[in-house]
Amino acid sequence: MPRPEPWRLSPDAYPHHEVIQTRFQDLDVLGHINNVGMAAILESGRIKFNQASGLDAWRAQARWLVAQVVINYLGEGHFPADVVVASGIGAVGTRSWTILSAAFQHGQPIATCDTVVVMSSAGGATALPGDYRAALARWQVRGDGVML
């Protein structure tokens, strides 16, 4: 897997930051946050982002599902230091969008996460309403100084 673009490793690229506590149970035998623990930390950051951005309120009108999660482990995370999960919206398609996140500990990037979310109805994937697309656009990340 290629290393993420440099802008992905800057907290300033993301419109939302959430402090997530690490847990002793997240550690592997070497004393590092293990892959399952990091996935849980990133998931907590993503859920807090959905709440802070108002995306959770849309769940009453439409159903959306996580279709893919890709985590790139960049460095070691340690307990008991907190992890800052920075998140924002990446690409927005016709029926899906991507939430981009990065985890930082002591100001250093330790993981990135790309989560593809699909809008769904009883018949399967469905098009994103215009007002939903506009809400997503307000939370887009900044790559290389420009909104993606």
N, C-alpha and C. Protein backbone atom coordinates (compact mmCIF):
# COMPACT_ATOMS: atom_id res chain seq x y z
N MET A 1 0.85 -1.17 0.00
CA MET A 1 0.00 0.00 0.00
C MET A 1 0.90 1.24 0.00
N PRO A 2 0.67 2.15 -0.92
CA PRO A 2 1.50 3.36 -0.95
C PRO A 2 1.21 4.26 0.25
N ARG A 3 2.21 5.03 0.62
CA ARG A 3 2.06 5.98 1.73
C ARG A 3 1.03 7.04 1.33
N PRO A 4 0.21 7.49 2.28
CA PRO A 4 -0.81 8.50 1.96
C PRO A 4 -0.18 9.80 1.47
N GLU A 5 -0.97 10.55 0.73
CA GLU A 5 -0.54 11.89 0.29
C GLU A 5 -0.15 12.70 1.52
N PRO A 6 0.86 13.57 1.40
CA PRO A 6 1.32 14.34 2.57
C PRO A 6 0.21 15.13 3.28
N TRP A 7 -0.74 15.67 2.54
CA TRP A 7 -1.80 16.46 3.19
C TRP A 7 -2.65 15.60 4.11
N ARG A 8 -2.73 14.28 3.85
CA ARG A 8 -3.52 13.39 4.72
C ARG A 8 -2.90 13.27 6.11
N LEU A 9 -1.63 13.64 6.24
CA LEU A 9 -0.91 13.49 7.50
C LEU A 9 -0.90 14.77 8.32
N SER A 10 -1.70 15.74 7.91
CA SER A 10 -1.81 17.02 8.63
C SER A 10 -3.20 17.16 9.24
N PRO A 11 -3.27 17.39 10.55
CA PRO A 11 -4.59 17.59 11.17
C PRO A 11 -5.34 18.78 10.58
N ASP A 12 -4.61 19.76 10.04
CA ASP A 12 -5.23 20.96 9.49
C ASP A 12 -6.08 20.67 8.25
N ALA A 13 -5.90 19.53 7.61
CA ALA A 13 -6.66 19.18 6.42
C ALA A 13 -8.10 18.78 6.73
N TYR A 14 -8.37 18.49 8.00
CA TYR A 14 -9.65 17.93 8.39
C TYR A 14 -10.48 18.93 9.18
N PRO A 15 -11.78 19.03 8.90
CA PRO A 15 -12.61 20.01 9.59
C PRO A 15 -13.04 19.62 11.00
N HIS A 16 -12.89 18.35 11.36
CA HIS A 16 -13.34 17.92 12.69
C HIS A 16 -12.25 17.13 13.39
N HIS A 17 -12.08 17.39 14.70
CA HIS A 17 -11.11 16.67 15.54
C HIS A 17 -11.81 16.16 16.79
N GLU A 18 -11.50 14.93 17.14
CA GLU A 18 -12.12 14.31 18.31
C GLU A 18 -11.04 13.59 19.11
N VAL A 19 -10.98 13.83 20.40
CA VAL A 19 -10.03 13.16 21.28
C VAL A 19 -10.65 11.84 21.74
N ILE A 20 -9.94 10.75 21.49
CA ILE A 20 -10.41 9.42 21.87
C ILE A 20 -9.40 8.83 22.86
N GLN A 21 -9.89 8.36 23.99
CA GLN A 21 -9.03 7.74 24.99
C GLN A 21 -8.60 6.34 24.54
N THR A 22 -7.34 6.04 24.77
CA THR A 22 -6.88 4.68 24.52
C THR A 22 -7.23 3.83 25.74
N ARG A 23 -7.22 2.51 25.53
CA ARG A 23 -7.55 1.59 26.61
C ARG A 23 -6.43 0.55 26.74
N PHE A 24 -6.17 0.12 27.93
CA PHE A 24 -5.16 -0.91 28.17
C PHE A 24 -5.47 -2.16 27.35
N GLN A 25 -6.74 -2.49 27.22
CA GLN A 25 -7.14 -3.68 26.48
C GLN A 25 -6.86 -3.58 24.98
N ASP A 26 -6.51 -2.40 24.48
CA ASP A 26 -6.17 -2.22 23.07
C ASP A 26 -4.75 -2.64 22.74
N LEU A 27 -3.95 -2.99 23.74
CA LEU A 27 -2.53 -3.25 23.53
C LEU A 27 -2.25 -4.68 23.07
N ASP A 28 -1.19 -4.80 22.24
CA ASP A 28 -0.70 -6.12 21.88
C ASP A 28 0.41 -6.52 22.86
N VAL A 29 1.03 -7.66 22.63
CA VAL A 29 2.05 -8.14 23.58
C VAL A 29 3.29 -7.26 23.60
N LEU A 30 3.49 -6.44 22.57
CA LEU A 30 4.64 -5.53 22.53
C LEU A 30 4.33 -4.17 23.15
N GLY A 31 3.08 -3.98 23.61
CA GLY A 31 2.70 -2.72 24.24
C GLY A 31 2.22 -1.65 23.29
N HIS A 32 1.91 -2.03 22.04
CA HIS A 32 1.39 -1.08 21.06
C HIS A 32 -0.11 -1.26 20.92
N ILE A 33 -0.80 -0.20 20.50
CA ILE A 33 -2.23 -0.35 20.20
C ILE A 33 -2.33 -1.32 19.02
N ASN A 34 -3.11 -2.39 19.19
CA ASN A 34 -3.20 -3.40 18.14
C ASN A 34 -4.16 -2.96 17.03
N ASN A 35 -4.24 -3.74 15.97
CA ASN A 35 -5.04 -3.35 14.81
C ASN A 35 -6.53 -3.27 15.14
N VAL A 36 -7.04 -4.15 15.99
CA VAL A 36 -8.45 -4.10 16.38
C VAL A 36 -8.72 -2.86 17.23
N GLY A 37 -7.81 -2.55 18.15
CA GLY A 37 -7.94 -1.36 18.97
C GLY A 37 -7.93 -0.09 18.13
N MET A 38 -7.02 -0.03 17.14
CA MET A 38 -6.96 1.15 16.28
C MET A 38 -8.23 1.28 15.44
N ALA A 39 -8.75 0.16 14.96
CA ALA A 39 -10.01 0.20 14.20
C ALA A 39 -11.13 0.75 15.07
N ALA A 40 -11.18 0.35 16.34
CA ALA A 40 -12.21 0.83 17.26
C ALA A 40 -12.04 2.33 17.54
N ILE A 41 -10.81 2.78 17.70
CA ILE A 41 -10.54 4.20 17.93
C ILE A 41 -11.00 5.02 16.73
N LEU A 42 -10.67 4.57 15.52
CA LEU A 42 -11.08 5.27 14.30
C LEU A 42 -12.60 5.25 14.14
N GLU A 43 -13.21 4.13 14.49
CA GLU A 43 -14.68 4.04 14.42
C GLU A 43 -15.31 5.03 15.39
N SER A 44 -14.80 5.11 16.61
CA SER A 44 -15.32 6.08 17.58
C SER A 44 -15.19 7.50 17.06
N GLY A 45 -14.05 7.82 16.47
CA GLY A 45 -13.86 9.14 15.88
C GLY A 45 -14.85 9.41 14.76
N ARG A 46 -15.10 8.40 13.92
CA ARG A 46 -16.06 8.54 12.80
C ARG A 46 -17.48 8.76 13.32
N ILE A 47 -17.87 8.02 14.34
CA ILE A 47 -19.21 8.17 14.90
C ILE A 47 -19.38 9.57 15.52
N LYS A 48 -18.36 10.03 16.24
CA LYS A 48 -18.41 11.38 16.83
C LYS A 48 -18.47 12.44 15.72
N PHE A 49 -17.77 12.21 14.61
CA PHE A 49 -17.83 13.12 13.46
C PHE A 49 -19.26 13.15 12.90
N ASN A 50 -19.87 11.98 12.73
CA ASN A 50 -21.24 11.92 12.21
C ASN A 50 -22.19 12.72 13.11
N GLN A 51 -22.00 12.61 14.41
CA GLN A 51 -22.85 13.33 15.35
C GLN A 51 -22.60 14.84 15.28
N ALA A 52 -21.33 15.24 15.30
CA ALA A 52 -20.98 16.66 15.30
C ALA A 52 -21.39 17.36 14.00
N SER A 53 -21.31 16.65 12.89
CA SER A 53 -21.62 17.24 11.59
C SER A 53 -23.11 17.23 11.28
N GLY A 54 -23.90 16.54 12.10
CA GLY A 54 -25.33 16.45 11.85
C GLY A 54 -25.71 15.33 10.89
N LEU A 55 -24.74 14.54 10.45
CA LEU A 55 -25.05 13.46 9.52
C LEU A 55 -25.95 12.41 10.15
N ASP A 56 -25.83 12.19 11.45
CA ASP A 56 -26.68 11.21 12.14
C ASP A 56 -28.16 11.58 12.03
N ALA A 57 -28.48 12.86 11.99
CA ALA A 57 -29.87 13.28 11.90
C ALA A 57 -30.52 12.80 10.60
N TRP A 58 -29.74 12.59 9.58
CA TRP A 58 -30.26 12.14 8.29
C TRP A 58 -30.69 10.68 8.33
N ARG A 59 -30.23 9.94 9.32
CA ARG A 59 -30.58 8.51 9.39
C ARG A 59 -32.08 8.30 9.56
N ALA A 60 -32.80 9.29 10.05
CA ALA A 60 -34.25 9.16 10.19
C ALA A 60 -34.94 9.21 8.82
N GLN A 61 -34.30 9.83 7.83
CA GLN A 61 -34.88 9.98 6.50
C GLN A 61 -34.40 8.91 5.52
N ALA A 62 -33.23 8.40 5.73
CA ALA A 62 -32.65 7.44 4.80
C ALA A 62 -31.72 6.51 5.55
N ARG A 63 -31.50 5.36 4.98
CA ARG A 63 -30.61 4.37 5.59
C ARG A 63 -29.28 4.42 4.85
N TRP A 64 -28.19 4.42 5.61
CA TRP A 64 -26.89 4.32 4.96
C TRP A 64 -26.05 3.29 5.67
N LEU A 65 -25.19 2.66 4.89
CA LEU A 65 -24.42 1.53 5.37
C LEU A 65 -22.94 1.71 5.06
N VAL A 66 -22.09 1.24 5.94
CA VAL A 66 -20.65 1.23 5.67
C VAL A 66 -20.39 0.09 4.70
N ALA A 67 -19.80 0.42 3.55
CA ALA A 67 -19.52 -0.58 2.52
C ALA A 67 -18.06 -1.03 2.53
N GLN A 68 -17.17 -0.14 2.98
CA GLN A 68 -15.75 -0.49 2.97
C GLN A 68 -15.01 0.37 3.99
N VAL A 69 -14.05 -0.26 4.67
CA VAL A 69 -13.15 0.45 5.59
C VAL A 69 -11.73 0.02 5.25
N VAL A 70 -10.88 1.00 4.95
CA VAL A 70 -9.47 0.73 4.64
C VAL A 70 -8.63 1.51 5.64
N ILE A 71 -7.82 0.79 6.42
CA ILE A 71 -6.95 1.42 7.42
C ILE A 71 -5.50 1.24 6.99
N ASN A 72 -4.77 2.33 7.04
CA ASN A 72 -3.34 2.32 6.74
C ASN A 72 -2.62 2.63 8.05
N TYR A 73 -1.91 1.65 8.59
CA TYR A 73 -1.18 1.82 9.84
C TYR A 73 0.18 2.45 9.54
N LEU A 74 0.43 3.62 10.13
CA LEU A 74 1.62 4.40 9.81
C LEU A 74 2.68 4.38 10.89
N GLY A 75 2.26 4.20 12.12
CA GLY A 75 3.20 4.25 13.24
C GLY A 75 2.59 3.59 14.45
N GLU A 76 3.38 3.51 15.49
CA GLU A 76 2.93 2.86 16.72
C GLU A 76 2.13 3.82 17.59
N GLY A 77 1.04 3.30 18.13
CA GLY A 77 0.26 4.02 19.12
C GLY A 77 0.47 3.38 20.47
N HIS A 78 0.37 4.18 21.53
CA HIS A 78 0.65 3.67 22.88
C HIS A 78 -0.42 4.10 23.87
N PHE A 79 -0.64 3.29 24.86
CA PHE A 79 -1.47 3.59 26.02
C PHE A 79 -0.56 4.22 27.08
N PRO A 80 -0.99 5.22 27.81
CA PRO A 80 -2.33 5.74 28.00
C PRO A 80 -2.61 7.04 27.25
N ALA A 81 -1.74 7.44 26.35
CA ALA A 81 -1.92 8.72 25.65
C ALA A 81 -3.18 8.69 24.78
N ASP A 82 -3.91 9.81 24.76
CA ASP A 82 -5.09 9.94 23.91
C ASP A 82 -4.69 9.94 22.44
N VAL A 83 -5.65 9.63 21.59
CA VAL A 83 -5.49 9.71 20.14
C VAL A 83 -6.47 10.76 19.64
N VAL A 84 -6.00 11.66 18.79
CA VAL A 84 -6.87 12.63 18.15
C VAL A 84 -7.24 12.06 16.78
N VAL A 85 -8.54 11.88 16.55
CA VAL A 85 -9.02 11.41 15.25
C VAL A 85 -9.58 12.62 14.52
N ALA A 86 -8.95 12.95 13.40
CA ALA A 86 -9.38 14.05 12.55
C ALA A 86 -10.17 13.47 11.39
N SER A 87 -11.33 14.06 11.08
CA SER A 87 -12.20 13.48 10.05
C SER A 87 -12.81 14.56 9.18
N GLY A 88 -13.20 14.15 7.98
CA GLY A 88 -13.92 15.01 7.04
C GLY A 88 -14.41 14.17 5.88
N ILE A 89 -15.15 14.82 5.01
CA ILE A 89 -15.70 14.14 3.85
C ILE A 89 -14.71 14.23 2.70
N GLY A 90 -14.50 13.11 2.03
CA GLY A 90 -13.65 13.04 0.84
C GLY A 90 -14.53 13.11 -0.40
N ALA A 91 -14.46 12.10 -1.24
CA ALA A 91 -15.24 12.06 -2.47
C ALA A 91 -16.72 11.85 -2.18
N VAL A 92 -17.56 12.52 -2.97
CA VAL A 92 -19.00 12.33 -2.90
C VAL A 92 -19.45 11.86 -4.27
N GLY A 93 -20.06 10.69 -4.31
CA GLY A 93 -20.54 10.12 -5.56
C GLY A 93 -22.05 10.27 -5.70
N THR A 94 -22.62 9.53 -6.62
CA THR A 94 -24.06 9.56 -6.84
C THR A 94 -24.83 8.90 -5.71
N ARG A 95 -24.29 7.79 -5.21
CA ARG A 95 -24.97 7.01 -4.17
C ARG A 95 -24.13 6.80 -2.91
N SER A 96 -22.94 7.32 -2.90
CA SER A 96 -22.04 7.06 -1.77
C SER A 96 -21.13 8.26 -1.51
N TRP A 97 -20.47 8.21 -0.36
CA TRP A 97 -19.48 9.21 -0.02
C TRP A 97 -18.40 8.53 0.82
N THR A 98 -17.27 9.21 0.92
CA THR A 98 -16.15 8.67 1.69
C THR A 98 -15.85 9.59 2.85
N ILE A 99 -15.71 9.00 4.02
CA ILE A 99 -15.24 9.73 5.20
C ILE A 99 -13.75 9.43 5.33
N LEU A 100 -12.94 10.48 5.30
CA LEU A 100 -11.50 10.35 5.46
C LEU A 100 -11.13 10.72 6.89
N SER A 101 -10.33 9.88 7.51
CA SER A 101 -9.90 10.14 8.88
C SER A 101 -8.41 9.88 9.02
N ALA A 102 -7.82 10.52 10.00
CA ALA A 102 -6.43 10.26 10.36
C ALA A 102 -6.32 10.29 11.88
N ALA A 103 -5.52 9.38 12.41
CA ALA A 103 -5.31 9.31 13.85
C ALA A 103 -3.93 9.87 14.18
N PHE A 104 -3.88 10.71 15.20
CA PHE A 104 -2.64 11.35 15.62
C PHE A 104 -2.43 11.12 17.11
N GLN A 105 -1.19 10.84 17.47
CA GLN A 105 -0.83 10.72 18.88
C GLN A 105 0.43 11.54 19.08
N HIS A 106 0.41 12.43 20.06
CA HIS A 106 1.52 13.36 20.30
C HIS A 106 1.83 14.16 19.03
N GLY A 107 0.80 14.48 18.25
CA GLY A 107 0.95 15.27 17.04
C GLY A 107 1.46 14.51 15.83
N GLN A 108 1.75 13.24 15.97
CA GLN A 108 2.29 12.43 14.88
C GLN A 108 1.19 11.52 14.31
N PRO A 109 1.15 11.39 12.97
CA PRO A 109 0.14 10.50 12.37
C PRO A 109 0.49 9.04 12.64
N ILE A 110 -0.51 8.27 13.09
CA ILE A 110 -0.27 6.85 13.34
C ILE A 110 -1.17 5.96 12.48
N ALA A 111 -2.20 6.53 11.85
CA ALA A 111 -3.05 5.74 10.96
C ALA A 111 -3.94 6.67 10.14
N THR A 112 -4.32 6.18 8.97
CA THR A 112 -5.37 6.84 8.19
C THR A 112 -6.47 5.83 7.96
N CYS A 113 -7.67 6.33 7.69
CA CYS A 113 -8.81 5.45 7.47
C CYS A 113 -9.72 6.07 6.41
N ASP A 114 -10.09 5.28 5.41
CA ASP A 114 -11.05 5.69 4.39
C ASP A 114 -12.27 4.79 4.54
N THR A 115 -13.43 5.40 4.77
CA THR A 115 -14.67 4.65 4.96
C THR A 115 -15.66 5.05 3.88
N VAL A 116 -16.07 4.09 3.08
CA VAL A 116 -17.08 4.32 2.04
C VAL A 116 -18.45 4.01 2.62
N VAL A 117 -19.35 4.98 2.51
CA VAL A 117 -20.71 4.85 3.02
C VAL A 117 -21.67 4.93 1.84
N VAL A 118 -22.66 4.04 1.81
CA VAL A 118 -23.62 3.96 0.71
C VAL A 118 -25.02 4.29 1.21
N MET A 119 -25.73 5.15 0.47
CA MET A 119 -27.13 5.46 0.76
C MET A 119 -27.96 4.29 0.26
N SER A 120 -28.89 3.83 1.09
CA SER A 120 -29.65 2.63 0.76
C SER A 120 -31.14 2.85 0.98
N SER A 121 -31.93 2.08 0.24
CA SER A 121 -33.38 2.02 0.44
C SER A 121 -33.79 0.56 0.34
N ALA A 122 -35.07 0.29 0.39
CA ALA A 122 -35.55 -1.09 0.32
C ALA A 122 -35.09 -1.78 -0.96
N GLY A 123 -34.92 -1.02 -2.02
CA GLY A 123 -34.52 -1.58 -3.31
C GLY A 123 -33.02 -1.65 -3.52
N GLY A 124 -32.22 -1.23 -2.55
CA GLY A 124 -30.77 -1.24 -2.68
C GLY A 124 -30.21 0.16 -2.65
N ALA A 125 -29.03 0.33 -3.24
CA ALA A 125 -28.38 1.65 -3.24
C ALA A 125 -29.27 2.66 -3.96
N THR A 126 -29.31 3.86 -3.42
CA THR A 126 -30.16 4.91 -3.97
C THR A 126 -29.38 6.22 -4.06
N ALA A 127 -29.81 7.11 -4.93
CA ALA A 127 -29.11 8.38 -5.15
C ALA A 127 -29.19 9.28 -3.91
N LEU A 128 -28.12 10.03 -3.70
CA LEU A 128 -28.08 10.99 -2.59
C LEU A 128 -28.96 12.19 -2.94
N PRO A 129 -29.84 12.61 -2.03
CA PRO A 129 -30.63 13.82 -2.26
C PRO A 129 -29.71 15.05 -2.33
N GLY A 130 -30.13 16.06 -3.07
CA GLY A 130 -29.34 17.27 -3.23
C GLY A 130 -29.00 17.95 -1.93
N ASP A 131 -29.96 18.02 -1.00
CA ASP A 131 -29.68 18.69 0.27
C ASP A 131 -28.68 17.90 1.11
N TYR A 132 -28.67 16.59 0.95
CA TYR A 132 -27.70 15.76 1.66
C TYR A 132 -26.31 15.99 1.08
N ARG A 133 -26.22 16.08 -0.25
CA ARG A 133 -24.94 16.36 -0.90
C ARG A 133 -24.39 17.71 -0.43
N ALA A 134 -25.26 18.70 -0.29
CA ALA A 134 -24.83 20.03 0.17
C ALA A 134 -24.32 19.95 1.61
N ALA A 135 -24.99 19.15 2.45
CA ALA A 135 -24.55 19.00 3.84
C ALA A 135 -23.17 18.33 3.89
N LEU A 136 -22.95 17.34 3.04
CA LEU A 136 -21.65 16.67 2.99
C LEU A 136 -20.55 17.64 2.55
N ALA A 137 -20.86 18.48 1.57
CA ALA A 137 -19.86 19.42 1.03
C ALA A 137 -19.33 20.37 2.10
N ARG A 138 -20.15 20.72 3.08
CA ARG A 138 -19.71 21.64 4.14
C ARG A 138 -18.62 21.04 5.02
N TRP A 139 -18.47 19.72 4.98
CA TRP A 139 -17.51 19.04 5.84
C TRP A 139 -16.36 18.41 5.07
N GLN A 140 -16.15 18.85 3.83
CA GLN A 140 -15.08 18.24 3.04
C GLN A 140 -13.68 18.60 3.55
N VAL A 141 -12.77 17.65 3.38
CA VAL A 141 -11.38 17.85 3.79
C VAL A 141 -10.71 18.82 2.82
N ARG A 142 -9.56 19.32 3.25
CA ARG A 142 -8.75 20.20 2.40
C ARG A 142 -7.49 19.45 2.02
N GLY A 143 -7.35 19.15 0.75
CA GLY A 143 -6.15 18.49 0.26
C GLY A 143 -5.29 19.48 -0.50
N ASP A 144 -4.04 19.59 -0.11
CA ASP A 144 -3.12 20.54 -0.74
C ASP A 144 -3.68 21.96 -0.78
N GLY A 145 -4.40 22.33 0.29
CA GLY A 145 -4.89 23.70 0.41
C GLY A 145 -6.21 23.97 -0.29
N VAL A 146 -6.80 22.99 -0.96
CA VAL A 146 -8.07 23.20 -1.64
C VAL A 146 -9.07 22.14 -1.17
N MET A 147 -10.35 22.50 -1.23
CA MET A 147 -11.39 21.53 -0.88
C MET A 147 -11.39 20.42 -1.91
N LEU A 148 -11.51 19.19 -1.46
CA LEU A 148 -11.60 18.05 -2.39
C LEU A 148 -13.02 17.86 -2.84
